[in-house]
Protein backbone atom coordinates (compact mmCIF):
# COMPACT_ATOMS: atom_id res chain seq x y z
CA MET A 1 208.41 171.01 60.59
CA ILE A 2 206.98 169.21 57.65
CA ARG A 3 205.64 166.12 59.58
CA THR A 4 204.27 169.57 62.25
CA LYS A 5 202.35 170.89 59.55
CA LYS A 6 200.85 167.20 58.47
CA HIS A 7 200.02 166.95 62.09
CA LYS A 8 198.30 170.49 62.46
CA LEU A 9 196.54 169.25 58.79
CA ALA A 10 195.17 166.19 60.29
CA TYR A 11 193.55 167.85 63.82
CA TRP A 12 191.35 170.25 61.62
CA VAL A 13 190.34 167.95 59.32
CA ILE A 14 189.50 165.57 62.56
CA LEU A 15 187.80 168.43 64.08
CA PHE A 16 185.68 169.49 61.30
CA VAL A 17 184.15 165.86 60.74
CA MET A 18 183.28 166.18 64.48
CA ILE A 19 181.49 169.63 63.93
CA CYS A 20 179.39 168.28 61.09
CA SER A 21 178.90 165.18 62.60
CA LEU A 22 177.57 167.06 65.58
CA PHE A 23 175.30 169.23 63.66
CA THR A 24 173.98 166.47 61.74
CA GLY A 25 173.47 164.21 64.67
CA CYS A 26 171.33 167.32 65.91
CA GLY A 27 169.60 168.34 63.10
CA THR A 28 168.52 164.58 62.93
CA LYS A 29 167.12 164.24 66.30
CA SER A 30 165.59 167.53 65.87
CA GLU A 31 163.88 165.94 62.31
CA LEU A 32 162.53 162.96 63.80
CA GLN A 33 161.25 164.85 67.23
CA GLN A 34 159.17 166.78 65.00
CA SER A 35 157.93 164.03 62.78
CA LYS A 36 156.71 161.91 65.87
CA PRO A 37 152.78 162.00 65.34
CA THR A 38 151.05 163.76 68.06
CA SER A 39 147.61 162.49 67.25
CA GLN A 40 145.91 158.61 65.83
CA THR A 41 142.76 158.11 64.50
CA ILE A 42 141.08 154.73 65.29
CA THR A 43 137.87 152.75 64.92
CA ASP A 44 136.07 152.29 68.19
CA HIS A 45 133.47 149.21 68.76
CA ALA A 46 130.27 150.73 67.36
CA GLY A 47 133.09 151.63 64.09
CA ARG A 48 133.08 155.28 64.44
CA ALA A 49 136.87 156.52 63.31
CA VAL A 50 138.02 158.79 66.27
CA THR A 51 140.69 161.20 66.56
CA ILE A 52 142.70 161.23 69.87
CA PRO A 53 145.93 162.04 71.30
CA ALA A 54 148.87 159.39 70.39
CA GLN A 55 149.74 159.20 74.04
CA ILE A 56 146.89 159.51 76.55
CA ASN A 57 147.77 160.70 80.10
CA LYS A 58 144.08 162.10 81.53
CA CYS A 59 140.56 160.60 80.90
CA TYR A 60 137.08 160.42 81.54
CA TYR A 61 134.29 157.90 81.25
CA THR A 62 130.41 158.29 80.71
CA SER A 63 129.53 155.82 83.06
CA PRO A 64 130.56 153.93 86.21
CA LEU A 65 130.90 150.95 83.71
CA GLY A 66 133.70 152.56 82.33
CA MET A 67 135.02 154.67 85.55
CA ILE A 68 135.73 150.86 87.13
CA MET A 69 137.03 149.59 84.24
CA ILE A 70 139.45 152.30 84.03
CA TYR A 71 140.36 152.26 87.47
CA SER A 72 141.35 148.76 87.48
CA LEU A 73 143.54 149.43 84.72
CA ALA A 74 144.80 152.82 84.61
CA PRO A 75 143.80 154.70 87.89
CA ASP A 76 146.69 157.32 87.72
CA LYS A 77 144.81 158.60 84.24
CA MET A 78 141.36 159.12 85.80
CA VAL A 79 140.53 162.70 86.50
CA GLY A 80 137.40 161.81 88.41
CA TRP A 81 134.38 159.84 89.66
CA SER A 82 131.50 159.39 87.62
CA MET A 83 129.46 158.09 90.91
CA GLN A 84 129.50 159.87 94.15
CA LEU A 85 131.47 157.80 96.75
CA ILE A 86 130.31 157.36 100.13
CA ASP A 87 132.68 156.47 102.98
CA GLN A 88 132.04 152.64 102.52
CA GLN A 89 133.26 152.58 99.41
CA LYS A 90 136.24 154.94 99.89
CA LYS A 91 137.68 152.03 102.66
CA TYR A 92 138.32 150.12 99.92
CA ILE A 93 140.13 152.74 98.19
CA PRO A 94 143.56 153.89 98.22
CA GLU A 95 143.74 157.76 99.67
CA LYS A 96 145.30 159.21 96.66
CA TYR A 97 142.62 158.20 94.53
CA GLN A 98 139.89 159.09 96.94
CA SER A 99 140.42 162.84 96.44
CA LEU A 100 139.26 162.91 92.86
CA PRO A 101 136.46 165.46 92.32
CA PHE A 102 132.76 163.52 91.04
CA LEU A 103 132.11 164.97 87.93
CA GLY A 104 128.71 163.05 87.49
CA GLY A 105 127.75 160.63 84.16
CA LEU A 106 125.02 159.64 82.32
CA GLN A 107 123.21 156.51 83.84
CA MET A 108 119.79 156.48 85.44
CA ASN A 109 119.39 160.14 83.38
CA ALA A 110 122.00 161.96 85.53
CA LYS A 111 123.86 164.20 84.14
CA ILE A 112 127.69 164.99 83.54
CA ASN A 113 128.79 168.70 85.18
CA ASN A 114 130.35 169.73 82.18
CA GLU A 115 131.82 172.86 83.27
CA GLU A 116 134.21 170.60 86.11
CA LEU A 117 134.65 168.02 83.44
CA LEU A 118 136.11 170.62 81.00
CA LYS A 119 138.34 171.75 84.22
CA ALA A 120 139.63 169.20 84.47
CA LYS A 121 140.71 168.70 80.87
CA PRO A 122 140.67 164.69 80.04
CA GLU A 123 141.82 164.04 76.61
CA VAL A 124 139.43 161.44 75.50
CA ILE A 125 136.34 160.21 77.37
CA PHE A 126 135.48 156.61 77.33
CA SER A 127 131.56 155.42 76.65
CA VAL A 128 131.26 151.87 78.45
CA GLY A 129 127.60 150.45 78.37
CA PRO A 130 126.18 146.59 79.04
CA ASP A 131 123.34 146.83 76.19
CA ALA A 132 124.18 145.47 72.44
CA LEU A 133 125.86 148.54 70.47
CA THR A 134 123.11 150.32 68.46
CA ALA A 135 122.96 153.45 65.93
CA THR A 136 121.57 155.02 69.02
CA THR A 137 124.97 154.65 70.82
CA LYS A 138 126.80 155.86 67.96
CA SER A 139 124.72 158.78 67.64
CA ASP A 140 124.95 159.57 71.16
CA ALA A 141 128.49 159.40 71.44
CA ASP A 142 128.70 161.89 68.48
CA LYS A 143 126.50 164.49 69.98
CA LEU A 144 128.91 164.19 73.32
CA GLN A 145 131.96 164.43 71.17
CA GLN A 146 130.48 167.58 69.62
CA GLN A 147 129.12 169.80 72.83
CA LEU A 148 132.05 168.84 74.42
CA ASN A 149 134.68 168.91 71.65
CA ILE A 150 136.65 166.19 73.49
CA PRO A 151 137.22 162.57 71.64
CA VAL A 152 134.09 160.09 72.85
CA ILE A 153 135.58 156.16 72.39
CA VAL A 154 133.30 153.73 72.85
CA VAL A 155 133.88 150.13 73.89
CA ASP A 156 131.70 147.27 73.72
CA GLY A 157 130.87 146.58 77.55
CA ASP A 158 129.43 143.07 76.78
CA ILE A 159 130.75 141.00 79.79
CA LYS A 160 131.68 138.39 77.21
CA SER A 161 133.51 141.02 75.33
CA THR A 162 135.67 141.81 78.85
CA GLU A 163 138.83 140.56 76.75
CA LYS A 164 138.58 142.57 73.52
CA ALA A 165 137.64 145.78 75.78
CA TYR A 166 140.15 145.67 78.00
CA THR A 167 143.09 144.72 75.06
CA PHE A 168 141.31 148.03 73.66
CA VAL A 169 141.69 150.27 75.83
CA GLY A 170 145.19 149.18 77.47
CA GLN A 171 146.57 149.41 74.21
CA LEU A 172 144.99 153.29 74.06
CA LEU A 173 146.58 154.11 77.39
CA GLY A 174 149.75 152.43 76.84
CA VAL A 175 149.17 149.77 79.98
CA GLU A 176 149.16 146.89 77.86
CA ASP A 177 150.43 144.17 80.49
CA LYS A 178 148.36 145.49 82.68
CA ALA A 179 145.35 144.77 80.65
CA LYS A 180 146.27 141.09 79.88
CA GLU A 181 146.44 140.63 83.06
CA LEU A 182 142.92 141.58 84.14
CA ALA A 183 141.56 140.32 80.84
CA ALA A 184 143.12 137.16 81.48
CA TYR A 185 141.55 136.82 84.90
CA CYS A 186 138.03 137.53 83.76
CA ASN A 187 138.23 135.02 81.04
CA ASN A 188 139.46 132.42 83.36
CA THR A 189 136.56 133.21 86.05
CA LEU A 190 134.15 133.08 83.32
CA LYS A 191 134.97 129.55 81.64
CA GLU A 192 135.29 128.54 85.36
CA VAL A 193 132.12 128.89 86.79
CA THR A 194 130.22 128.11 83.59
CA ALA A 195 132.33 124.88 83.27
CA ALA A 196 131.15 124.20 86.69
CA THR A 197 127.59 124.62 86.54
CA GLU A 198 126.47 124.21 83.19
CA ALA A 199 125.85 120.82 83.45
CA ILE A 200 123.37 121.16 86.70
CA PRO A 201 119.60 119.55 85.74
CA GLU A 202 117.18 122.01 85.54
CA LYS A 203 115.14 120.67 88.24
CA ASN A 204 118.29 120.62 90.73
CA ARG A 205 118.92 124.77 89.79
CA VAL A 206 118.16 126.75 92.27
CA ASN A 207 115.31 129.41 92.30
CA VAL A 208 116.68 132.76 92.94
CA TYR A 209 114.41 135.98 93.19
CA TYR A 210 116.83 139.45 92.63
CA ALA A 211 115.14 141.91 95.21
CA GLU A 212 116.08 145.56 94.10
CA GLY A 213 115.07 148.80 95.50
CA PRO A 214 113.92 149.88 98.99
CA LYS A 215 110.73 147.23 99.31
CA GLY A 216 112.33 144.89 97.04
CA LEU A 217 109.78 144.95 94.58
CA ALA A 218 111.62 145.47 91.52
CA THR A 219 113.47 143.39 89.54
CA GLU A 220 114.98 141.79 86.19
CA PRO A 221 114.40 139.16 84.34
CA LYS A 222 116.58 136.58 82.95
CA GLY A 223 117.76 137.93 80.15
CA GLY A 224 118.62 141.65 81.37
CA SER A 225 121.90 143.04 81.60
CA HIS A 226 121.27 143.56 85.46
CA ALA A 227 120.99 140.01 86.22
CA LEU A 228 123.29 137.94 84.11
CA VAL A 229 125.47 137.27 86.65
CA LEU A 230 122.44 135.18 87.70
CA ASP A 231 122.14 133.46 84.54
CA LEU A 232 126.02 132.96 83.88
CA VAL A 233 126.00 130.89 86.97
CA ASN A 234 123.01 128.76 86.15
CA GLY A 235 120.04 129.96 88.78
CA ASN A 236 117.03 129.95 87.71
CA ASN A 237 115.56 133.41 87.56
CA VAL A 238 111.63 133.34 88.79
CA ALA A 239 111.23 136.72 87.88
CA GLN A 240 108.49 136.66 85.06
CA VAL A 241 108.34 140.33 84.24
CA ASP A 242 109.32 142.46 80.75
CA ASN A 243 112.55 143.30 80.43
CA LYS A 244 112.67 147.30 80.25
CA GLY A 245 116.71 147.30 79.27
CA GLY A 246 118.51 150.51 79.86
CA SER A 247 118.95 150.81 83.23
CA GLY A 248 116.13 148.52 84.01
CA MET A 249 114.44 147.96 88.03
CA SER A 250 111.00 146.38 86.37
CA ASN A 251 108.18 146.57 89.21
CA ALA A 252 107.09 143.44 90.65
CA SER A 253 104.11 142.71 93.10
CA MET A 254 104.05 140.97 96.64
CA GLU A 255 101.50 138.73 95.34
CA GLN A 256 104.00 137.53 92.15
CA VAL A 257 107.00 137.55 94.45
CA LEU A 258 104.38 135.11 96.74
CA LYS A 259 103.82 132.99 93.98
CA TRP A 260 107.30 133.00 92.26
CA ASN A 261 108.40 130.97 96.14
CA PRO A 262 112.43 131.39 95.43
CA ASP A 263 114.31 129.59 97.54
CA VAL A 264 116.76 132.22 97.66
CA ILE A 265 116.60 135.91 97.48
CA LEU A 266 119.40 138.42 96.77
CA SER A 267 119.21 142.08 98.27
CA TRP A 268 120.99 145.10 98.34
CA SER A 269 122.36 146.24 101.66
CA MET A 270 120.28 148.76 103.43
CA ASP A 271 123.21 151.50 103.51
CA SER A 272 122.67 150.74 99.76
CA GLY A 273 118.88 151.75 99.75
CA GLY A 274 117.98 147.90 99.71
CA ALA A 275 115.39 145.83 101.53
CA TYR A 276 117.43 143.04 103.43
CA ASP A 277 116.65 144.26 106.47
CA LEU A 278 113.10 144.77 105.39
CA ILE A 279 112.82 141.02 103.22
CA ARG A 280 114.02 139.22 106.63
CA ASN A 281 111.72 140.84 109.07
CA ASN A 282 108.46 142.16 107.34
CA GLU A 283 105.28 139.78 107.66
CA ASP A 284 104.52 140.41 104.52
CA TRP A 285 108.01 137.99 103.65
CA LYS A 286 107.34 135.37 105.86
CA ASN A 287 105.91 132.53 104.19
CA ILE A 288 108.29 132.59 101.16
CA LYS A 289 110.46 129.64 101.31
CA ALA A 290 113.57 131.80 101.04
CA VAL A 291 112.84 133.86 104.02
CA LYS A 292 111.38 130.93 106.08
CA ASN A 293 114.90 129.22 105.24
CA HIS A 294 117.08 132.10 106.47
CA LYS A 295 118.34 132.19 102.45
CA VAL A 296 118.07 135.91 101.58
CA TYR A 297 121.32 137.15 101.06
CA GLU A 298 123.58 140.82 101.18
CA ILE A 299 124.68 141.09 98.02
CA PRO A 300 128.42 142.19 98.76
CA ASN A 301 128.86 145.97 97.39
CA ALA A 302 132.10 147.89 98.66
CA PRO A 303 133.24 149.44 96.85
CA PHE A 304 131.40 148.23 93.95
CA ASN A 305 128.50 145.62 93.64
CA TRP A 306 129.46 142.93 93.16
CA PHE A 307 126.37 141.52 90.87
CA ASP A 308 124.92 144.74 89.29
CA ARG A 309 124.62 148.45 89.68
CA PRO A 310 126.96 149.27 88.15
CA PRO A 311 127.40 145.85 85.46
CA SER A 312 130.74 146.40 85.54
CA VAL A 313 134.04 144.12 85.72
CA ASN A 314 133.16 143.95 89.95
CA ARG A 315 130.87 141.01 88.26
CA PHE A 316 133.62 138.54 87.60
CA LEU A 317 134.50 138.43 91.83
CA GLY A 318 130.40 138.04 91.86
CA LEU A 319 130.40 134.84 89.66
CA LYS A 320 132.62 133.20 92.14
CA TRP A 321 130.86 134.06 94.79
CA LEU A 322 127.33 133.47 93.53
CA ALA A 323 128.30 130.12 92.39
CA THR A 324 130.12 129.05 95.52
CA THR A 325 126.68 130.15 97.35
CA LEU A 326 124.11 128.46 95.12
CA TYR A 327 126.11 125.23 94.43
CA PRO A 328 128.74 124.55 96.71
CA ASP A 329 128.76 120.89 96.23
CA VAL A 330 129.73 121.44 92.25
CA TYR A 331 132.16 124.79 92.96
CA LYS A 332 134.01 125.55 95.99
CA VAL A 333 136.65 128.15 96.46
CA ASP A 334 138.25 129.77 99.16
CA MET A 335 136.17 133.51 99.19
CA VAL A 336 138.32 134.96 101.41
CA LYS A 337 141.40 134.49 99.25
CA GLU A 338 139.72 135.00 96.31
CA THR A 339 138.30 138.81 97.51
CA LYS A 340 141.94 139.54 98.54
CA VAL A 341 143.48 139.00 95.21
CA PHE A 342 140.60 140.37 93.05
CA TYR A 343 140.77 143.68 95.45
CA SER A 344 144.30 144.48 94.91
CA MET A 345 144.65 142.92 91.55
CA PHE A 346 141.21 145.14 90.47
CA TYR A 347 141.16 147.94 93.32
CA HIS A 348 144.62 148.30 94.19
CA ALA A 349 143.67 147.61 97.53
CA ASP A 350 145.40 144.91 99.91
CA LEU A 351 142.60 143.42 102.25
CA SER A 352 143.30 141.18 105.55
CA ASP A 353 141.28 138.34 105.92
CA ASP A 354 138.93 139.94 108.58
CA ASP A 355 138.23 142.81 105.51
CA ALA A 356 137.61 140.11 103.21
CA ARG A 357 135.41 138.41 105.73
CA ASN A 358 133.16 141.27 106.69
CA LEU A 359 132.74 141.83 102.65
CA LEU A 360 130.98 138.33 102.86
CA ILE A 361 129.01 138.57 106.28
CA ASN A 362 125.33 138.28 104.92
CA SER A 363 126.21 136.90 101.86
CA GLY A 364 125.24 133.78 102.51
CA LEU A 365 128.77 132.09 102.72
CA LYS A 366 130.55 130.50 106.44
CA VAL A 367 133.31 131.88 106.07
CA LYS A 368 136.53 131.12 108.25
């Protein structure tokens, strides 16, 4: 009898302890959930303190520069496109991203569709530009943030700051491993190309004219952000025009181009509003060395231009293409293979060899 009472007492003590532990555990979990931060304050690349969600699931961007960076890094967090995609571009973009809406951007005096953007409910907006960050960069970001009541994060878009940009944005979006992978590719490409071409004597550097627009009579000077790929591969940019900054596109005359007499002309495709066909067939251009020697090259441009417009991370593939096009004796790569690697890594698209060849068809390379 005594033994039974003792057993009962022990049973109730154990049960009491278990119940207390259960409630204590639940209380601790609830407290942890309540204490988990829902927001954080970060310092962006313009030195601005910006309060953002602790976890970002949806984001937007003020221009294609940021759009392409986010697309390469975390496409499932995009709420739309800042440039209108055409069928030629969609061919190289997975179908599930093609249906994202066009919401506009602030590039080239364009506008964001504020009403539709607010419907998409991005938690942050990234502002990424190719030019140096200034007080205007900060004030513009502040104005947009106040206007939309959405945090705006300024990111340094300089091509030499790509690792910093990817690391920063990757941490904010929770995709650090992908950011590390893409940053490594960009860093290695820049080092590889510049190391191969910087020792080329000045007299042996190829004279190049970058022909923009439907007549080919807009261009970019040396040092401008829109012709930076040419500078980095150590081509000699012949255009002696003023640097307009911003969206660029300085005017040039036919007389000037004839005087510069470039060895190579780089042009947009006709589908992109360029002068590739015109330059090769128009009488006004026929006496220029590049035309006479059949060295007018169409810049690959799908889904995004490899050289410029937008001057985003797409340019790293352009570095490899242009270096091996201008200087095949000092820089040799298999561009079919490189194109397939880049498109898989950055654009989430798996290309066939023929797909890659088609992208390079008028680019100046003889691909197998």
